[in-house]
Amino acid sequence: MLGQFMASVGEIREVFTLVDFYQYIKGVEYLICVAFFVGFPIFYRYLHKQDDSAAADQH
C-alpha cells in the first residue's frame, strides 16, 4: 500500500468528476503542508545558526 502511494505521489492523472478533482487537490495540498512543516524549521535553524556564529565571533 505504501508503494502504491509513493508511486502515485508525482503522478498526474485525469479526473472526470468534481469530487475526484477535490480529492486529488486535497492530496496535493497535504503534501505541500508536510513539506512546509518539515522545511521551515530546518530553514529557520539555518538562518539563526549563522547569527549565533557571528555573535560568538564578536564577543
PDB file of N, CA and C in Angstrom:
ATOM      1  N   MET A   1       0.820  -1.186   0.000  1.00  0.00           N
ATOM      2  CA  MET A   1       0.000   0.000   0.000  1.00  0.00           C
ATOM      3  C   MET A   1       0.871   1.259   0.000  1.00  0.00           C
ATOM      4  N   LEU A   2       1.932   1.263   0.783  1.00  0.00           N
ATOM      5  CA  LEU A   2       2.819   2.418   0.812  1.00  0.00           C
ATOM      6  C   LEU A   2       3.511   2.589  -0.538  1.00  0.00           C
ATOM      7  N   GLY A   3       3.844   1.484  -1.186  1.00  0.00           N
ATOM      8  CA  GLY A   3       4.474   1.554  -2.503  1.00  0.00           C
ATOM      9  C   GLY A   3       3.562   2.190  -3.537  1.00  0.00           C
ATOM     10  N   GLN A   4       2.285   1.874  -3.472  1.00  0.00           N
ATOM     11  CA  GLN A   4       1.326   2.471  -4.395  1.00  0.00           C
ATOM     12  C   GLN A   4       1.201   3.968  -4.144  1.00  0.00           C
ATOM     13  N   PHE A   5       1.195   4.349  -2.866  1.00  0.00           N
ATOM     14  CA  PHE A   5       1.103   5.771  -2.528  1.00  0.00           C
ATOM     15  C   PHE A   5       2.312   6.522  -3.059  1.00  0.00           C
ATOM     16  N   MET A   6       3.500   5.987  -2.840  1.00  0.00           N
ATOM     17  CA  MET A   6       4.714   6.661  -3.286  1.00  0.00           C
ATOM     18  C   MET A   6       4.779   6.734  -4.815  1.00  0.00           C
ATOM     19  N   ALA A   7       4.255   5.727  -5.496  1.00  0.00           N
ATOM     20  CA  ALA A   7       4.251   5.744  -6.950  1.00  0.00           C
ATOM     21  C   ALA A   7       3.266   6.773  -7.495  1.00  0.00           C
ATOM     22  N   SER A   8       2.179   7.009  -6.762  1.00  0.00           N
ATOM     23  CA  SER A   8       1.156   7.931  -7.258  1.00  0.00           C
ATOM     24  C   SER A   8       1.377   9.365  -6.803  1.00  0.00           C
ATOM     25  N   VAL A   9       2.394   9.639  -5.993  1.00  0.00           N
ATOM     26  CA  VAL A   9       2.605  10.997  -5.493  1.00  0.00           C
ATOM     27  C   VAL A   9       2.888  11.958  -6.629  1.00  0.00           C
ATOM     28  N   GLY A  10       3.771  11.612  -7.518  1.00  0.00           N
ATOM     29  CA  GLY A  10       4.119  12.513  -8.600  1.00  0.00           C
ATOM     30  C   GLY A  10       3.311  12.306  -9.857  1.00  0.00           C
ATOM     31  N   GLU A  11       2.331  11.453  -9.789  1.00  0.00           N
ATOM     32  CA  GLU A  11       1.547  11.105 -10.963  1.00  0.00           C
ATOM     33  C   GLU A  11       0.501  12.170 -11.258  1.00  0.00           C
ATOM     34  N   ILE A  12       0.430  12.589 -12.498  1.00  0.00           N
ATOM     35  CA  ILE A  12      -0.635  13.496 -12.935  1.00  0.00           C
ATOM     36  C   ILE A  12      -1.684  12.623 -13.603  1.00  0.00           C
ATOM     37  N   ARG A  13      -2.870  12.658 -13.062  1.00  0.00           N
ATOM     38  CA  ARG A  13      -3.905  11.787 -13.616  1.00  0.00           C
ATOM     39  C   ARG A  13      -5.104  12.603 -14.067  1.00  0.00           C
ATOM     40  N   GLU A  14      -5.859  11.996 -14.930  1.00  0.00           N
ATOM     41  CA  GLU A  14      -7.039  12.660 -15.466  1.00  0.00           C
ATOM     42  C   GLU A  14      -8.205  12.441 -14.515  1.00  0.00           C
ATOM     43  N   VAL A  15      -8.899  13.510 -14.176  1.00  0.00           N
ATOM     44  CA  VAL A  15     -10.058  13.410 -13.287  1.00  0.00           C
ATOM     45  C   VAL A  15     -11.312  13.713 -14.096  1.00  0.00           C
ATOM     46  N   PHE A  16     -12.372  13.016 -13.731  1.00  0.00           N
ATOM     47  CA  PHE A  16     -13.597  13.135 -14.506  1.00  0.00           C
ATOM     48  C   PHE A  16     -14.717  13.835 -13.755  1.00  0.00           C
ATOM     49  N   THR A  17     -14.685  13.795 -12.442  1.00  0.00           N
ATOM     50  CA  THR A  17     -15.762  14.426 -11.678  1.00  0.00           C
ATOM     51  C   THR A  17     -15.184  15.485 -10.759  1.00  0.00           C
ATOM     52  N   LEU A  18     -16.040  16.330 -10.249  1.00  0.00           N
ATOM     53  CA  LEU A  18     -15.622  17.378  -9.337  1.00  0.00           C
ATOM     54  C   LEU A  18     -15.107  16.791  -8.022  1.00  0.00           C
ATOM     55  N   VAL A  19     -15.711  15.701  -7.571  1.00  0.00           N
ATOM     56  CA  VAL A  19     -15.267  15.054  -6.339  1.00  0.00           C
ATOM     57  C   VAL A  19     -13.864  14.485  -6.518  1.00  0.00           C
ATOM     58  N   ASP A  20     -13.598  13.863  -7.653  1.00  0.00           N
ATOM     59  CA  ASP A  20     -12.247  13.359  -7.926  1.00  0.00           C
ATOM     60  C   ASP A  20     -11.236  14.495  -7.947  1.00  0.00           C
ATOM     61  N   PHE A  21     -11.627  15.605  -8.538  1.00  0.00           N
ATOM     62  CA  PHE A  21     -10.736  16.759  -8.599  1.00  0.00           C
ATOM     63  C   PHE A  21     -10.412  17.273  -7.207  1.00  0.00           C
ATOM     64  N   TYR A  22     -11.423  17.413  -6.342  1.00  0.00           N
ATOM     65  CA  TYR A  22     -11.206  17.902  -4.977  1.00  0.00           C
ATOM     66  C   TYR A  22     -10.335  16.938  -4.170  1.00  0.00           C
ATOM     67  N   GLN A  23     -10.540  15.638  -4.345  1.00  0.00           N
ATOM     68  CA  GLN A  23      -9.714  14.670  -3.627  1.00  0.00           C
ATOM     69  C   GLN A  23      -8.270  14.740  -4.085  1.00  0.00           C
ATOM     70  N   TYR A  24      -8.049  14.905  -5.374  1.00  0.00           N
ATOM     71  CA  TYR A  24      -6.690  14.998  -5.898  1.00  0.00           C
ATOM     72  C   TYR A  24      -5.999  16.273  -5.395  1.00  0.00           C
ATOM     73  N   ILE A  25      -6.703  17.399  -5.438  1.00  0.00           N
ATOM     74  CA  ILE A  25      -6.128  18.667  -4.977  1.00  0.00           C
ATOM     75  C   ILE A  25      -5.874  18.617  -3.474  1.00  0.00           C
ATOM     76  N   LYS A  26      -6.757  17.983  -2.730  1.00  0.00           N
ATOM     77  CA  LYS A  26      -6.571  17.872  -1.280  1.00  0.00           C
ATOM     78  C   LYS A  26      -5.304  17.079  -0.973  1.00  0.00           C
ATOM     79  N   GLY A  27      -5.044  16.033  -1.711  1.00  0.00           N
ATOM     80  CA  GLY A  27      -3.827  15.257  -1.514  1.00  0.00           C
ATOM     81  C   GLY A  27      -2.588  16.072  -1.818  1.00  0.00           C
ATOM     82  N   VAL A  28      -2.631  16.866  -2.869  1.00  0.00           N
ATOM     83  CA  VAL A  28      -1.504  17.729  -3.222  1.00  0.00           C
ATOM     84  C   VAL A  28      -1.295  18.789  -2.141  1.00  0.00           C
ATOM     85  N   GLU A  29      -2.371  19.345  -1.625  1.00  0.00           N
ATOM     86  CA  GLU A  29      -2.253  20.343  -0.552  1.00  0.00           C
ATOM     87  C   GLU A  29      -1.637  19.742   0.701  1.00  0.00           C
ATOM     88  N   TYR A  30      -2.008  18.527   1.046  1.00  0.00           N
ATOM     89  CA  TYR A  30      -1.406  17.872   2.210  1.00  0.00           C
ATOM     90  C   TYR A  30       0.093  17.696   2.015  1.00  0.00           C
ATOM     91  N   LEU A  31       0.512  17.331   0.822  1.00  0.00           N
ATOM     92  CA  LEU A  31       1.951  17.168   0.559  1.00  0.00           C
ATOM     93  C   LEU A  31       2.683  18.498   0.679  1.00  0.00           C
ATOM     94  N   ILE A  32       2.059  19.569   0.208  1.00  0.00           N
ATOM     95  CA  ILE A  32       2.676  20.897   0.328  1.00  0.00           C
ATOM     96  C   ILE A  32       2.790  21.284   1.800  1.00  0.00           C
ATOM     97  N   CYS A  33       1.756  21.009   2.591  1.00  0.00           N
ATOM     98  CA  CYS A  33       1.789  21.336   4.022  1.00  0.00           C
ATOM     99  C   CYS A  33       2.879  20.553   4.738  1.00  0.00           C
ATOM    100  N   VAL A  34       3.001  19.274   4.453  1.00  0.00           N
ATOM    101  CA  VAL A  34       4.032  18.455   5.089  1.00  0.00           C
ATOM    102  C   VAL A  34       5.412  18.980   4.716  1.00  0.00           C
ATOM    103  N   ALA A  35       5.604  19.328   3.450  1.00  0.00           N
ATOM    104  CA  ALA A  35       6.898  19.857   3.016  1.00  0.00           C
ATOM    105  C   ALA A  35       7.210  21.171   3.729  1.00  0.00           C
ATOM    106  N   PHE A  36       6.216  22.021   3.927  1.00  0.00           N
ATOM    107  CA  PHE A  36       6.431  23.281   4.626  1.00  0.00           C
ATOM    108  C   PHE A  36       6.763  23.048   6.095  1.00  0.00           C
ATOM    109  N   PHE A  37       6.006  22.164   6.760  1.00  0.00           N
ATOM    110  CA  PHE A  37       6.229  21.920   8.182  1.00  0.00           C
ATOM    111  C   PHE A  37       7.569  21.246   8.448  1.00  0.00           C
ATOM    112  N   VAL A  38       8.109  20.549   7.479  1.00  0.00           N
ATOM    113  CA  VAL A  38       9.441  19.961   7.628  1.00  0.00           C
ATOM    114  C   VAL A  38      10.513  20.967   7.224  1.00  0.00           C
ATOM    115  N   GLY A  39      10.268  21.694   6.140  1.00  0.00           N
ATOM    116  CA  GLY A  39      11.282  22.590   5.594  1.00  0.00           C
ATOM    117  C   GLY A  39      11.469  23.878   6.366  1.00  0.00           C
ATOM    118  N   PHE A  40      10.406  24.435   6.902  1.00  0.00           N
ATOM    119  CA  PHE A  40      10.533  25.724   7.578  1.00  0.00           C
ATOM    120  C   PHE A  40      11.405  25.671   8.831  1.00  0.00           C
ATOM    121  N   PRO A  41      11.227  24.685   9.728  1.00  0.00           N
ATOM    122  CA  PRO A  41      12.122  24.646  10.895  1.00  0.00           C
ATOM    123  C   PRO A  41      13.596  24.454  10.524  1.00  0.00           C
ATOM    124  N   ILE A  42      13.841  23.683   9.495  1.00  0.00           N
ATOM    125  CA  ILE A  42      15.222  23.492   9.039  1.00  0.00           C
ATOM    126  C   ILE A  42      15.780  24.809   8.525  1.00  0.00           C
ATOM    127  N   PHE A  43      14.997  25.526   7.742  1.00  0.00           N
ATOM    128  CA  PHE A  43      15.431  26.818   7.212  1.00  0.00           C
ATOM    129  C   PHE A  43      15.623  27.835   8.337  1.00  0.00           C
ATOM    130  N   TYR A  44      14.726  27.820   9.317  1.00  0.00           N
ATOM    131  CA  TYR A  44      14.810  28.741  10.460  1.00  0.00           C
ATOM    132  C   TYR A  44      16.087  28.484  11.262  1.00  0.00           C
ATOM    133  N   ARG A  45      16.393  27.215  11.502  1.00  0.00           N
ATOM    134  CA  ARG A  45      17.633  26.880  12.212  1.00  0.00           C
ATOM    135  C   ARG A  45      18.855  27.310  11.419  1.00  0.00           C
ATOM    136  N   TYR A  46      18.793  27.132  10.109  1.00  0.00           N
ATOM    137  CA  TYR A  46      19.916  27.529   9.262  1.00  0.00           C
ATOM    138  C   TYR A  46      20.157  29.039   9.365  1.00  0.00           C
ATOM    139  N   LEU A  47      19.101  29.822   9.328  1.00  0.00           N
ATOM    140  CA  LEU A  47      19.246  31.273   9.426  1.00  0.00           C
ATOM    141  C   LEU A  47      19.792  31.691  10.778  1.00  0.00           C
ATOM    142  N   HIS A  48      19.297  31.100  11.845  1.00  0.00           N
ATOM    143  CA  HIS A  48      19.722  31.512  13.176  1.00  0.00           C
ATOM    144  C   HIS A  48      21.065  30.916  13.576  1.00  0.00           C
ATOM    145  N   LYS A  49      21.477  29.844  12.944  1.00  0.00           N
ATOM    146  CA  LYS A  49      22.801  29.307  13.207  1.00  0.00           C
ATOM    147  C   LYS A  49      23.849  30.273  12.692  1.00  0.00           C
ATOM    148  N   GLN A  50      23.587  30.926  11.580  1.00  0.00           N
ATOM    149  CA  GLN A  50      24.503  31.915  11.039  1.00  0.00           C
ATOM    150  C   GLN A  50      24.619  33.101  11.983  1.00  0.00           C
ATOM    151  N   ASP A  51      23.500  33.518  12.588  1.00  0.00           N
ATOM    152  CA  ASP A  51      23.517  34.645  13.516  1.00  0.00           C
ATOM    153  C   ASP A  51      24.274  34.292  14.794  1.00  0.00           C
ATOM    154  N   ASP A  52      24.114  33.067  15.286  1.00  0.00           N
ATOM    155  CA  ASP A  52      24.790  32.660  16.517  1.00  0.00           C
ATOM    156  C   ASP A  52      26.311  32.630  16.344  1.00  0.00           C
ATOM    157  N   SER A  53      26.782  32.140  15.207  1.00  0.00           N
ATOM    158  CA  SER A  53      28.223  32.079  14.998  1.00  0.00           C
ATOM    159  C   SER A  53      28.800  33.487  14.825  1.00  0.00           C
ATOM    160  N   ALA A  54      28.056  34.386  14.224  1.00  0.00           N
ATOM    161  CA  ALA A  54      28.537  35.759  14.062  1.00  0.00           C
ATOM    162  C   ALA A  54      28.561  36.480  15.417  1.00  0.00           C
ATOM    163  N   ALA A  55      27.570  36.216  16.266  1.00  0.00           N
ATOM    164  CA  ALA A  55      27.529  36.841  17.580  1.00  0.00           C
ATOM    165  C   ALA A  55      28.658  36.310  18.472  1.00  0.00           C
ATOM    166  N   ALA A  56      29.001  35.041  18.329  1.00  0.00           N
ATOM    167  CA  ALA A  56      30.089  34.474  19.128  1.00  0.00           C
ATOM    168  C   ALA A  56      31.429  35.055  18.724  1.00  0.00           C
ATOM    169  N   ASP A  57      31.589  35.401  17.447  1.00  0.00           N
ATOM    170  CA  ASP A  57      32.846  35.988  16.977  1.00  0.00           C
ATOM    171  C   ASP A  57      33.034  37.400  17.509  1.00  0.00           C
ATOM    172  N   GLN A  58      31.952  38.108  17.758  1.00  0.00           N
ATOM    173  CA  GLN A  58      32.045  39.483  18.215  1.00  0.00           C
ATOM    174  C   GLN A  58      32.464  39.579  19.681  1.00  0.00           C
ATOM    175  N   HIS A  59      32.151  38.585  20.493  1.00  0.00           N
ATOM    176  CA  HIS A  59      32.437  38.647  21.944  1.00  0.00           C
ATOM    177  C   HIS A  59      33.768  38.086  22.255  1.00  0.00           C
TER     178      HIS A  59
END
